[in-house]
PDB file of N, CA and C in Angstrom:
ATOM      1  N   GLN A   1      81.423 101.130  84.140  1.00  0.00           N
ATOM      2  CA  GLN A   1      81.518 100.233  85.299  1.00  0.00           C
ATOM      3  C   GLN A   1      83.027  99.748  85.566  1.00  0.00           C
ATOM      4  N   VAL A   2      83.203  99.630  86.964  1.00  0.00           N
ATOM      5  CA  VAL A   2      84.560  99.080  87.247  1.00  0.00           C
ATOM      6  C   VAL A   2      84.363  97.868  88.213  1.00  0.00           C
ATOM      7  N   GLN A   3      84.968  97.068  87.840  1.00  0.00           N
ATOM      8  CA  GLN A   3      85.208  95.744  88.941  1.00  0.00           C
ATOM      9  C   GLN A   3      86.427  95.851  89.674  1.00  0.00           C
ATOM     10  N   LEU A   4      86.242  95.298  90.898  1.00  0.00           N
ATOM     11  CA  LEU A   4      87.459  95.449  91.683  1.00  0.00           C
ATOM     12  C   LEU A   4      87.510  94.086  92.409  1.00  0.00           C
ATOM     13  N   VAL A   5      88.586  93.344  92.453  1.00  0.00           N
ATOM     14  CA  VAL A   5      88.773  91.896  92.916  1.00  0.00           C
ATOM     15  C   VAL A   5      90.131  92.227  94.007  1.00  0.00           C
ATOM     16  N   GLU A   6      89.903  91.777  95.090  1.00  0.00           N
ATOM     17  CA  GLU A   6      91.110  91.732  95.906  1.00  0.00           C
ATOM     18  C   GLU A   6      91.309  90.380  96.428  1.00  0.00           C
ATOM     19  N   SER A   7      92.972  90.390  96.834  1.00  0.00           N
ATOM     20  CA  SER A   7      93.230  88.847  96.932  1.00  0.00           C
ATOM     21  C   SER A   7      94.641  89.032  97.850  1.00  0.00           C
ATOM     22  N   GLY A   8      95.212  88.024  98.431  1.00  0.00           N
ATOM     23  CA  GLY A   8      96.371  88.243  99.181  1.00  0.00           C
ATOM     24  C   GLY A   8      96.153  88.044 100.812  1.00  0.00           C
ATOM     25  N   GLY A   9      95.084  88.069 101.339  1.00  0.00           N
ATOM     26  CA  GLY A   9      94.765  87.942 102.727  1.00  0.00           C
ATOM     27  C   GLY A   9      95.362  86.804 103.056  1.00  0.00           C
ATOM     28  N   GLY A  10      95.208  86.651 104.419  1.00  0.00           N
ATOM     29  CA  GLY A  10      95.632  85.259 105.093  1.00  0.00           C
ATOM     30  C   GLY A  10      95.799  85.585 106.674  1.00  0.00           C
ATOM     31  N   SER A  11      96.369  84.490 107.378  1.00  0.00           N
ATOM     32  CA  SER A  11      96.683  84.467 108.632  1.00  0.00           C
ATOM     33  C   SER A  11      98.001  84.407 109.255  1.00  0.00           C
ATOM     34  N   VAL A  12      98.507  85.478 109.811  1.00  0.00           N
ATOM     35  CA  VAL A  12     100.022  85.774 110.105  1.00  0.00           C
ATOM     36  C   VAL A  12     100.109  85.915 111.655  1.00  0.00           C
ATOM     37  N   GLN A  13     101.311  85.724 112.196  1.00  0.00           N
ATOM     38  CA  GLN A  13     101.366  86.061 113.488  1.00  0.00           C
ATOM     39  C   GLN A  13     101.784  87.745 113.309  1.00  0.00           C
ATOM     40  N   ALA A  14     101.620  88.056 114.658  1.00  0.00           N
ATOM     41  CA  ALA A  14     101.993  89.436 114.928  1.00  0.00           C
ATOM     42  C   ALA A  14     103.468  89.778 114.457  1.00  0.00           C
ATOM     43  N   GLY A  15     103.817  90.699 113.857  1.00  0.00           N
ATOM     44  CA  GLY A  15     105.287  91.149 113.279  1.00  0.00           C
ATOM     45  C   GLY A  15     105.364  90.607 111.919  1.00  0.00           C
ATOM     46  N   GLY A  16     104.504  89.867 111.419  1.00  0.00           N
ATOM     47  CA  GLY A  16     104.513  89.351 109.933  1.00  0.00           C
ATOM     48  C   GLY A  16     104.102  90.365 108.911  1.00  0.00           C
ATOM     49  N   SER A  17     104.349  89.665 107.609  1.00  0.00           N
ATOM     50  CA  SER A  17     103.998  90.493 106.486  1.00  0.00           C
ATOM     51  C   SER A  17     103.030  90.120 105.864  1.00  0.00           C
ATOM     52  N   LEU A  18     102.117  90.889 105.019  1.00  0.00           N
ATOM     53  CA  LEU A  18     101.383  90.343 103.859  1.00  0.00           C
ATOM     54  C   LEU A  18     101.309  91.494 102.779  1.00  0.00           C
ATOM     55  N   ARG A  19     101.045  90.752 101.458  1.00  0.00           N
ATOM     56  CA  ARG A  19     101.019  91.827 100.470  1.00  0.00           C
ATOM     57  C   ARG A  19      99.640  91.573  99.701  1.00  0.00           C
ATOM     58  N   LEU A  20      98.881  92.595  99.860  1.00  0.00           N
ATOM     59  CA  LEU A  20      97.397  92.736  99.284  1.00  0.00           C
ATOM     60  C   LEU A  20      97.652  93.181  97.815  1.00  0.00           C
ATOM     61  N   SER A  21      96.696  92.571  96.766  1.00  0.00           N
ATOM     62  CA  SER A  21      96.438  92.943  95.572  1.00  0.00           C
ATOM     63  C   SER A  21      95.057  93.323  95.040  1.00  0.00           C
ATOM     64  N   CYS A  22      94.899  94.204  94.292  1.00  0.00           N
ATOM     65  CA  CYS A  22      93.655  94.686  93.697  1.00  0.00           C
ATOM     66  C   CYS A  22      93.628  94.606  92.272  1.00  0.00           C
ATOM     67  N   VAL A  23      92.662  93.893  91.738  1.00  0.00           N
ATOM     68  CA  VAL A  23      92.521  94.211  90.114  1.00  0.00           C
ATOM     69  C   VAL A  23      91.650  95.025  89.946  1.00  0.00           C
ATOM     70  N   VAL A  24      91.891  96.060  89.259  1.00  0.00           N
ATOM     71  CA  VAL A  24      90.930  97.047  88.673  1.00  0.00           C
ATOM     72  C   VAL A  24      90.686  96.742  87.206  1.00  0.00           C
ATOM     73  N   SER A  25      89.379  96.295  86.966  1.00  0.00           N
ATOM     74  CA  SER A  25      89.038  96.342  85.467  1.00  0.00           C
ATOM     75  C   SER A  25      87.755  96.904  85.054  1.00  0.00           C
ATOM     76  N   GLY A  26      87.552  97.217  83.823  1.00  0.00           N
ATOM     77  CA  GLY A  26      86.336  97.952  83.220  1.00  0.00           C
ATOM     78  C   GLY A  26      86.966  99.546  82.899  1.00  0.00           C
ATOM     79  N   ASP A  27      86.420 100.462  83.313  1.00  0.00           N
ATOM     80  CA  ASP A  27      86.679 101.782  83.053  1.00  0.00           C
ATOM     81  C   ASP A  27      87.742 102.264  83.921  1.00  0.00           C
ATOM     82  N   THR A  28      89.122 101.694  83.879  1.00  0.00           N
ATOM     83  CA  THR A  28      90.262 102.066  84.880  1.00  0.00           C
ATOM     84  C   THR A  28      90.498 103.537  84.799  1.00  0.00           C
ATOM     85  N   SER A  29      90.443 104.213  83.732  1.00  0.00           N
ATOM     86  CA  SER A  29      90.727 105.530  83.853  1.00  0.00           C
ATOM     87  C   SER A  29      89.691 106.417  84.500  1.00  0.00           C
ATOM     88  N   CYS A  30      88.748 105.805  85.092  1.00  0.00           N
ATOM     89  CA  CYS A  30      87.586 106.581  85.787  1.00  0.00           C
ATOM     90  C   CYS A  30      88.143 106.580  87.422  1.00  0.00           C
ATOM     91  N   MET A  31      89.329 105.631  87.595  1.00  0.00           N
ATOM     92  CA  MET A  31      89.741 105.571  89.284  1.00  0.00           C
ATOM     93  C   MET A  31      91.085 106.434  89.219  1.00  0.00           C
ATOM     94  N   ALA A  32      90.993 107.426  89.229  1.00  0.00           N
ATOM     95  CA  ALA A  32      92.281 108.038  89.113  1.00  0.00           C
ATOM     96  C   ALA A  32      93.105 108.110  90.520  1.00  0.00           C
ATOM     97  N   ILE A  33      92.252 108.019  91.491  1.00  0.00           N
ATOM     98  CA  ILE A  33      92.769 107.818  92.967  1.00  0.00           C
ATOM     99  C   ILE A  33      92.345 106.423  93.647  1.00  0.00           C
ATOM    100  N   MET A  34      93.059 105.701  94.010  1.00  0.00           N
ATOM    101  CA  MET A  34      92.668 104.238  94.464  1.00  0.00           C
ATOM    102  C   MET A  34      92.992 104.256  95.919  1.00  0.00           C
ATOM    103  N   GLY A  35      92.442 103.665  96.836  1.00  0.00           N
ATOM    104  CA  GLY A  35      92.534 103.317  98.215  1.00  0.00           C
ATOM    105  C   GLY A  35      92.447 101.839  98.732  1.00  0.00           C
ATOM    106  N   TRP A  36      92.773 101.563  99.838  1.00  0.00           N
ATOM    107  CA  TRP A  36      92.598 100.421 100.348  1.00  0.00           C
ATOM    108  C   TRP A  36      91.845 100.596 101.808  1.00  0.00           C
ATOM    109  N   TYR A  37      90.750 100.217 102.093  1.00  0.00           N
ATOM    110  CA  TYR A  37      89.903 100.132 103.278  1.00  0.00           C
ATOM    111  C   TYR A  37      90.094  98.818 103.959  1.00  0.00           C
ATOM    112  N   ARG A  38      89.472  98.939 105.333  1.00  0.00           N
ATOM    113  CA  ARG A  38      89.543  97.734 105.941  1.00  0.00           C
ATOM    114  C   ARG A  38      88.116  98.040 106.831  1.00  0.00           C
ATOM    115  N   GLN A  39      87.708  96.708 107.172  1.00  0.00           N
ATOM    116  CA  GLN A  39      86.579  96.757 108.040  1.00  0.00           C
ATOM    117  C   GLN A  39      86.387  95.471 108.807  1.00  0.00           C
ATOM    118  N   VAL A  40      86.021  95.832 109.924  1.00  0.00           N
ATOM    119  CA  VAL A  40      85.879  94.688 111.123  1.00  0.00           C
ATOM    120  C   VAL A  40      84.274  94.917 111.343  1.00  0.00           C
ATOM    121  N   PRO A  41      83.837  93.763 111.968  1.00  0.00           N
ATOM    122  CA  PRO A  41      82.254  93.815 112.233  1.00  0.00           C
ATOM    123  C   PRO A  41      81.993  94.676 113.012  1.00  0.00           C
ATOM    124  N   GLY A  42      81.002  94.980 112.830  1.00  0.00           N
ATOM    125  CA  GLY A  42      80.123  96.035 113.558  1.00  0.00           C
ATOM    126  C   GLY A  42      80.760  97.504 113.602  1.00  0.00           C
ATOM    127  N   LYS A  43      81.875  97.886 112.670  1.00  0.00           N
ATOM    128  CA  LYS A  43      82.192  99.153 112.531  1.00  0.00           C
ATOM    129  C   LYS A  43      82.253  99.383 110.926  1.00  0.00           C
ATOM    130  N   GLU A  44      82.207 100.808 110.726  1.00  0.00           N
ATOM    131  CA  GLU A  44      82.312 101.380 109.288  1.00  0.00           C
ATOM    132  C   GLU A  44      83.923 101.053 108.606  1.00  0.00           C
ATOM    133  N   ARG A  45      83.811 100.951 107.376  1.00  0.00           N
ATOM    134  CA  ARG A  45      85.038 100.846 106.642  1.00  0.00           C
ATOM    135  C   ARG A  45      85.825 101.820 106.984  1.00  0.00           C
ATOM    136  N   GLU A  46      87.181 101.821 107.252  1.00  0.00           N
ATOM    137  CA  GLU A  46      88.049 102.578 107.415  1.00  0.00           C
ATOM    138  C   GLU A  46      89.342 102.761 106.246  1.00  0.00           C
ATOM    139  N   LEU A  47      89.401 103.873 105.713  1.00  0.00           N
ATOM    140  CA  LEU A  47      90.545 104.316 104.270  1.00  0.00           C
ATOM    141  C   LEU A  47      91.741 104.268 105.204  1.00  0.00           C
ATOM    142  N   VAL A  48      92.733 103.391 104.939  1.00  0.00           N
ATOM    143  CA  VAL A  48      93.909 103.260 105.448  1.00  0.00           C
ATOM    144  C   VAL A  48      95.164 103.621 104.453  1.00  0.00           C
ATOM    145  N   ALA A  49      94.961 103.641 103.345  1.00  0.00           N
ATOM    146  CA  ALA A  49      95.912 104.204 102.376  1.00  0.00           C
ATOM    147  C   ALA A  49      95.138 104.642 101.036  1.00  0.00           C
ATOM    148  N   GLU A  50      95.882 105.467 100.338  1.00  0.00           N
ATOM    149  CA  GLU A  50      95.325 106.069  99.102  1.00  0.00           C
ATOM    150  C   GLU A  50      96.525 106.607  98.348  1.00  0.00           C
ATOM    151  N   ILE A  51      96.315 106.366  96.948  1.00  0.00           N
ATOM    152  CA  ILE A  51      97.349 106.570  96.013  1.00  0.00           C
ATOM    153  C   ILE A  51      96.803 107.238  94.625  1.00  0.00           C
ATOM    154  N   SER A  52      97.164 108.297  94.304  1.00  0.00           N
ATOM    155  CA  SER A  52      96.672 108.947  92.899  1.00  0.00           C
ATOM    156  C   SER A  52      97.619 108.561  91.689  1.00  0.00           C
ATOM    157  N   SER A  53      96.928 108.790  90.595  1.00  0.00           N
ATOM    158  CA  SER A  53      97.708 108.296  89.283  1.00  0.00           C
ATOM    159  C   SER A  53      98.902 108.948  89.189  1.00  0.00           C
ATOM    160  N   GLY A  54      99.174 110.185  89.728  1.00  0.00           N
ATOM    161  CA  GLY A  54     100.488 110.540  90.029  1.00  0.00           C
ATOM    162  C   GLY A  54     101.525 110.407  90.753  1.00  0.00           C
ATOM    163  N   GLY A  55     100.897 109.661  91.880  1.00  0.00           N
ATOM    164  CA  GLY A  55     101.938 109.047  92.802  1.00  0.00           C
ATOM    165  C   GLY A  55     101.695 109.504  94.111  1.00  0.00           C
ATOM    166  N   SER A  56     100.665 110.507  94.321  1.00  0.00           N
ATOM    167  CA  SER A  56     100.512 111.111  95.682  1.00  0.00           C
ATOM    168  C   SER A  56      99.946 110.175  96.612  1.00  0.00           C
ATOM    169  N   ILE A  57     100.732 109.867  97.850  1.00  0.00           N
ATOM    170  CA  ILE A  57     100.069 108.790  98.553  1.00  0.00           C
ATOM    171  C   ILE A  57      99.963 109.531 100.084  1.00  0.00           C
ATOM    172  N   ASP A  58      98.827 108.826 100.880  1.00  0.00           N
ATOM    173  CA  ASP A  58      98.494 109.232 101.697  1.00  0.00           C
ATOM    174  C   ASP A  58      98.140 107.922 102.692  1.00  0.00           C
ATOM    175  N   TYR A  59      98.431 108.027 104.216  1.00  0.00           N
ATOM    176  CA  TYR A  59      98.220 106.987 105.153  1.00  0.00           C
ATOM    177  C   TYR A  59      97.332 107.330 106.196  1.00  0.00           C
ATOM    178  N   ALA A  60      96.663 106.370 106.881  1.00  0.00           N
ATOM    179  CA  ALA A  60      96.102 106.532 108.059  1.00  0.00           C
ATOM    180  C   ALA A  60      97.285 106.726 109.093  1.00  0.00           C
ATOM    181  N   ASP A  61      96.906 107.398 110.104  1.00  0.00           N
ATOM    182  CA  ASP A  61      98.066 107.347 111.120  1.00  0.00           C
ATOM    183  C   ASP A  61      98.392 105.926 111.922  1.00  0.00           C
ATOM    184  N   SER A  62      97.382 105.089 111.852  1.00  0.00           N
ATOM    185  CA  SER A  62      97.413 103.882 112.592  1.00  0.00           C
ATOM    186  C   SER A  62      98.326 102.723 111.542  1.00  0.00           C
ATOM    187  N   VAL A  63      98.473 103.076 110.281  1.00  0.00           N
ATOM    188  CA  VAL A  63      99.372 102.216 109.570  1.00  0.00           C
ATOM    189  C   VAL A  63     100.660 102.921 109.077  1.00  0.00           C
ATOM    190  N   LYS A  64     100.989 104.163 109.234  1.00  0.00           N
ATOM    191  CA  LYS A  64     102.061 105.037 108.681  1.00  0.00           C
ATOM    192  C   LYS A  64     103.474 104.223 109.332  1.00  0.00           C
ATOM    193  N   GLY A  65     104.145 103.857 108.397  1.00  0.00           N
ATOM    194  CA  GLY A  65     105.544 103.450 108.461  1.00  0.00           C
ATOM    195  C   GLY A  65     105.696 101.642 108.646  1.00  0.00           C
ATOM    196  N   ARG A  66     104.462 101.418 108.442  1.00  0.00           N
ATOM    197  CA  ARG A  66     104.338  99.848 108.474  1.00  0.00           C
ATOM    198  C   ARG A  66     103.594  99.270 107.193  1.00  0.00           C
ATOM    199  N   PHE A  67     102.591 100.286 106.528  1.00  0.00           N
ATOM    200  CA  PHE A  67     101.756  99.862 104.991  1.00  0.00           C
ATOM    201  C   PHE A  67     102.530 100.676 104.175  1.00  0.00           C
ATOM    202  N   THR A  68     102.544 100.132 102.846  1.00  0.00           N
ATOM    203  CA  THR A  68     103.017 100.924 101.594  1.00  0.00           C
ATOM    204  C   THR A  68     102.209 100.497 100.498  1.00  0.00           C
ATOM    205  N   ILE A  69     101.547 101.580 100.180  1.00  0.00           N
ATOM    206  CA  ILE A  69     100.635 101.342  98.966  1.00  0.00           C
ATOM    207  C   ILE A  69     101.410 101.666  97.540  1.00  0.00           C
ATOM    208  N   SER A  70     100.951 100.722  96.427  1.00  0.00           N
ATOM    209  CA  SER A  70     101.596 101.251  95.376  1.00  0.00           C
ATOM    210  C   SER A  70     100.677 100.907  94.187  1.00  0.00           C
ATOM    211  N   ARG A  71     100.841 101.337  92.851  1.00  0.00           N
ATOM    212  CA  ARG A  71     100.035 100.717  91.709  1.00  0.00           C
ATOM    213  C   ARG A  71     100.799 100.598  90.643  1.00  0.00           C
ATOM    214  N   ASP A  72     100.246  99.945  89.447  1.00  0.00           N
ATOM    215  CA  ASP A  72     101.259  99.658  88.447  1.00  0.00           C
ATOM    216  C   ASP A  72      99.839  99.059  87.446  1.00  0.00           C
ATOM    217  N   ASN A  73      99.375 100.219  86.825  1.00  0.00           N
ATOM    218  CA  ASN A  73      98.511 100.004  85.737  1.00  0.00           C
ATOM    219  C   ASN A  73      97.216  99.584  86.297  1.00  0.00           C
ATOM    220  N   ALA A  74      96.789  98.539  86.087  1.00  0.00           N
ATOM    221  CA  ALA A  74      95.408  98.364  86.699  1.00  0.00           C
ATOM    222  C   ALA A  74      95.473  97.273  87.988  1.00  0.00           C
ATOM    223  N   MET A  75      96.603  97.512  88.376  1.00  0.00           N
ATOM    224  CA  MET A  75      96.909  96.672  89.863  1.00  0.00           C
ATOM    225  C   MET A  75      97.148  97.806  90.834  1.00  0.00           C
ATOM    226  N   VAL A  76      96.498  97.751  92.083  1.00  0.00           N
ATOM    227  CA  VAL A  76      96.878  98.146  93.186  1.00  0.00           C
ATOM    228  C   VAL A  76      97.547  97.195  94.492  1.00  0.00           C
ATOM    229  N   TYR A  77      98.510  97.523  95.136  1.00  0.00           N
ATOM    230  CA  TYR A  77      98.894  96.608  96.133  1.00  0.00           C
ATOM    231  C   TYR A  77      99.037  97.275  97.295  1.00  0.00           C
ATOM    232  N   LEU A  78      99.103  96.659  98.479  1.00  0.00           N
ATOM    233  CA  LEU A  78      99.206  97.157  99.663  1.00  0.00           C
ATOM    234  C   LEU A  78     100.200  96.246 100.493  1.00  0.00           C
ATOM    235  N   GLN A  79     101.427  96.569 100.612  1.00  0.00           N
ATOM    236  CA  GLN A  79     102.282  95.752 101.288  1.00  0.00           C
ATOM    237  C   GLN A  79     102.291  96.333 102.987  1.00  0.00           C
ATOM    238  N   MET A  80     102.006  95.244 103.689  1.00  0.00           N
ATOM    239  CA  MET A  80     101.722  95.098 105.008  1.00  0.00           C
ATOM    240  C   MET A  80     102.934  94.638 105.994  1.00  0.00           C
ATOM    241  N   ASN A  81     103.537  95.558 106.548  1.00  0.00           N
ATOM    242  CA  ASN A  81     104.682  94.870 107.239  1.00  0.00           C
ATOM    243  C   ASN A  81     104.468  95.111 109.010  1.00  0.00           C
ATOM    244  N   SER A  82     105.278  94.529 109.799  1.00  0.00           N
ATOM    245  CA  SER A  82     105.069  94.623 111.318  1.00  0.00           C
ATOM    246  C   SER A  82     103.456  94.781 111.505  1.00  0.00           C
ATOM    247  N   LEU A  83     102.753  93.511 111.185  1.00  0.00           N
ATOM    248  CA  LEU A  83     101.227  93.538 111.282  1.00  0.00           C
ATOM    249  C   LEU A  83     101.090  93.213 113.003  1.00  0.00           C
ATOM    250  N   LYS A  84     100.189  93.977 113.212  1.00  0.00           N
ATOM    251  CA  LYS A  84      99.525  94.003 114.683  1.00  0.00           C
ATOM    252  C   LYS A  84      98.125  93.116 114.637  1.00  0.00           C
ATOM    253  N   PRO A  85      97.871  92.676 115.668  1.00  0.00           N
ATOM    254  CA  PRO A  85      96.233  91.984 115.975  1.00  0.00           C
ATOM    255  C   PRO A  85      95.327  93.184 115.607  1.00  0.00           C
ATOM    256  N   GLU A  86      95.508  94.217 115.889  1.00  0.00           N
ATOM    257  CA  GLU A  86      94.433  95.174 115.470  1.00  0.00           C
ATOM    258  C   GLU A  86      94.270  95.688 114.071  1.00  0.00           C
ATOM    259  N   ASP A  87      95.225  95.051 113.253  1.00  0.00           N
ATOM    260  CA  ASP A  87      95.140  95.207 111.765  1.00  0.00           C
ATOM    261  C   ASP A  87      94.150  93.970 111.336  1.00  0.00           C
ATOM    262  N   THR A  88      93.813  93.200 112.065  1.00  0.00           N
ATOM    263  CA  THR A  88      92.786  92.093 111.615  1.00  0.00           C
ATOM    264  C   THR A  88      91.456  92.804 111.017  1.00  0.00           C
ATOM    265  N   ALA A  89      90.937  92.556 109.743  1.00  0.00           N
ATOM    266  CA  ALA A  89      89.944  93.009 109.072  1.00  0.00           C
ATOM    267  C   ALA A  89      89.863  92.271 107.856  1.00  0.00           C
ATOM    268  N   VAL A  90      88.816  92.641 107.216  1.00  0.00           N
ATOM    269  CA  VAL A  90      88.563  92.407 106.004  1.00  0.00           C
ATOM    270  C   VAL A  90      88.977  93.855 104.923  1.00  0.00           C
ATOM    271  N   TYR A  91      89.793  93.492 104.058  1.00  0.00           N
ATOM    272  CA  TYR A  91      90.418  94.575 103.411  1.00  0.00           C
ATOM    273  C   TYR A  91      89.816  94.704 102.020  1.00  0.00           C
ATOM    274  N   PHE A  92      89.638  96.042 101.694  1.00  0.00           N
ATOM    275  CA  PHE A  92      88.936  96.175 100.295  1.00  0.00           C
ATOM    276  C   PHE A  92      89.541  97.384  99.589  1.00  0.00           C
ATOM    277  N   CYS A  93      89.398  97.329  98.443  1.00  0.00           N
ATOM    278  CA  CYS A  93      89.951  98.664  97.469  1.00  0.00           C
ATOM    279  C   CYS A  93      88.758  99.191  96.694  1.00  0.00           C
ATOM    280  N   ASN A  94      89.133 100.567  96.683  1.00  0.00           N
ATOM    281  CA  ASN A  94      88.054 101.273  95.921  1.00  0.00           C
ATOM    282  C   ASN A  94      88.544 102.689  95.833  1.00  0.00           C
ATOM    283  N   ALA A  95      87.780 103.540  95.088  1.00  0.00           N
ATOM    284  CA  ALA A  95      88.283 105.152  95.146  1.00  0.00           C
ATOM    285  C   ALA A  95      87.862 105.666  96.456  1.00  0.00           C
ATOM    286  N   PRO A  96      88.548 106.405  96.976  1.00  0.00           N
ATOM    287  CA  PRO A  96      88.237 107.316  98.467  1.00  0.00           C
ATOM    288  C   PRO A  96      87.100 107.997  98.140  1.00  0.00           C
ATOM    289  N   ASP A  97      86.693 108.586  97.313  1.00  0.00           N
ATOM    290  CA  ASP A  97      85.838 109.316  96.840  1.00  0.00           C
ATOM    291  C   ASP A  97      84.573 108.668  96.728  1.00  0.00           C
ATOM    292  N   LEU A  98      83.349 108.946  97.684  1.00  0.00           N
ATOM    293  CA  LEU A  98      82.207 108.047  97.367  1.00  0.00           C
ATOM    294  C   LEU A  98      81.568 108.332  95.979  1.00  0.00           C
ATOM    295  N   GLN A  99      81.658 109.864  95.455  1.00  0.00           N
ATOM    296  CA  GLN A  99      80.724 110.053  94.449  1.00  0.00           C
ATOM    297  C   GLN A  99      81.583 109.377  93.422  1.00  0.00           C
ATOM    298  N   VAL A 100      83.006 109.603  93.106  1.00  0.00           N
ATOM    299  CA  VAL A 100      83.692 108.878  92.235  1.00  0.00           C
ATOM    300  C   VAL A 100      83.210 107.414  92.225  1.00  0.00           C
ATOM    301  N   GLN A 101      83.145 106.730  93.369  1.00  0.00           N
ATOM    302  CA  GLN A 101      82.577 105.333  93.047  1.00  0.00           C
ATOM    303  C   GLN A 101      81.240 105.354  92.659  1.00  0.00           C
ATOM    304  N   HIS A 102      80.480 106.163  92.776  1.00  0.00           N
ATOM    305  CA  HIS A 102      79.148 106.238  92.107  1.00  0.00           C
ATOM    306  C   HIS A 102      79.121 106.474  90.524  1.00  0.00           C
ATOM    307  N   VAL A 103      79.894 107.509  90.291  1.00  0.00           N
ATOM    308  CA  VAL A 103      80.067 108.015  89.013  1.00  0.00           C
ATOM    309  C   VAL A 103      80.725 106.798  88.304  1.00  0.00           C
ATOM    310  N   CYS A 104      81.745 106.187  88.570  1.00  0.00           N
ATOM    311  CA  CYS A 104      82.504 105.152  87.901  1.00  0.00           C
ATOM    312  C   CYS A 104      81.866 103.831  87.985  1.00  0.00           C
ATOM    313  N   GLY A 105      80.647 103.630  88.910  1.00  0.00           N
ATOM    314  CA  GLY A 105      80.026 102.309  88.881  1.00  0.00           C
ATOM    315  C   GLY A 105      81.043 101.241  89.789  1.00  0.00           C
ATOM    316  N   ALA A 106      81.829 101.819  90.436  1.00  0.00           N
ATOM    317  CA  ALA A 106      82.948 100.933  91.304  1.00  0.00           C
ATOM    318  C   ALA A 106      82.065 100.305  92.486  1.00  0.00           C
ATOM    319  N   THR A 107      81.520  99.093  92.316  1.00  0.00           N
ATOM    320  CA  THR A 107      80.816  98.363  93.576  1.00  0.00           C
ATOM    321  C   THR A 107      82.079  97.804  93.901  1.00  0.00           C
ATOM    322  N   TRP A 108      81.644  97.566  95.444  1.00  0.00           N
ATOM    323  CA  TRP A 108      82.821  96.843  96.404  1.00  0.00           C
ATOM    324  C   TRP A 108      82.908  95.427  96.017  1.00  0.00           C
ATOM    325  N   GLY A 109      84.125  95.028  95.890  1.00  0.00           N
ATOM    326  CA  GLY A 109      84.449  93.707  95.552  1.00  0.00           C
ATOM    327  C   GLY A 109      84.067  92.703  97.145  1.00  0.00           C
ATOM    328  N   GLN A 110      84.663  91.548  96.950  1.00  0.00           N
ATOM    329  CA  GLN A 110      84.139  90.600  98.154  1.00  0.00           C
ATOM    330  C   GLN A 110      85.192  90.967  99.331  1.00  0.00           C
ATOM    331  N   GLY A 111      86.358  91.669  98.923  1.00  0.00           N
ATOM    332  CA  GLY A 111      87.386  91.784 100.091  1.00  0.00           C
ATOM    333  C   GLY A 111      88.426  90.686 100.323  1.00  0.00           C
ATOM    334  N   THR A 112      89.284  90.824 101.094  1.00  0.00           N
ATOM    335  CA  THR A 112      90.031  89.712 101.600  1.00  0.00           C
ATOM    336  C   THR A 112      90.363  89.884 102.878  1.00  0.00           C
ATOM    337  N   GLN A 113      90.249  88.767 103.577  1.00  0.00           N
ATOM    338  CA  GLN A 113      90.635  88.572 105.192  1.00  0.00           C
ATOM    339  C   GLN A 113      91.954  88.748 105.762  1.00  0.00           C
ATOM    340  N   VAL A 114      92.251  89.479 106.278  1.00  0.00           N
ATOM    341  CA  VAL A 114      93.410  89.584 107.017  1.00  0.00           C
ATOM    342  C   VAL A 114      93.346  89.236 108.569  1.00  0.00           C
ATOM    343  N   THR A 115      94.121  88.247 109.001  1.00  0.00           N
ATOM    344  CA  THR A 115      94.179  87.852 110.410  1.00  0.00           C
ATOM    345  C   THR A 115      95.337  87.806 110.874  1.00  0.00           C
ATOM    346  N   VAL A 116      95.480  88.597 112.100  1.00  0.00           N
ATOM    347  CA  VAL A 116      96.879  88.591 112.811  1.00  0.00           C
ATOM    348  C   VAL A 116      96.703  88.141 114.098  1.00  0.00           C
ATOM    349  N   SER A 117      97.524  87.122 114.517  1.00  0.00           N
ATOM    350  CA  SER A 117      97.229  86.645 115.731  1.00  0.00           C
ATOM    351  C   SER A 117      98.533  87.008 116.796  1.00  0.00           C
ATOM    352  N   SER A 118      98.348  87.306 117.926  1.00  0.00           N
ATOM    353  CA  SER A 118      99.553  87.644 118.965  1.00  0.00           C
ATOM    354  C   SER A 118     100.179  86.468 119.444  1.00  0.00           C
TER     355      SER A 118
END
């Protein structure tokens, strides 16, 4: 089983920055690739960044050049710069692969709310 706890969200003005943190506990070795998702009401969760245990990184086009994902042992971070109102969402961390989520027992955390005002 894997437990995920996100934190670091808040309210900022457009152009501002936030750093999100995700604590991964339990069978952390099961989560070789970790990602950050975001979700707005009425829409599906969107994967915005992912990072492997070896350091390979990928970003959604909508956040490239503005967001930076990193990891350190059982922590995963998302540095968000030049925030835009359209970045407003609840942010979650989890494995990008749904099968890995199931095999590792990685249930979704509560997420952390990010609100960007214009």
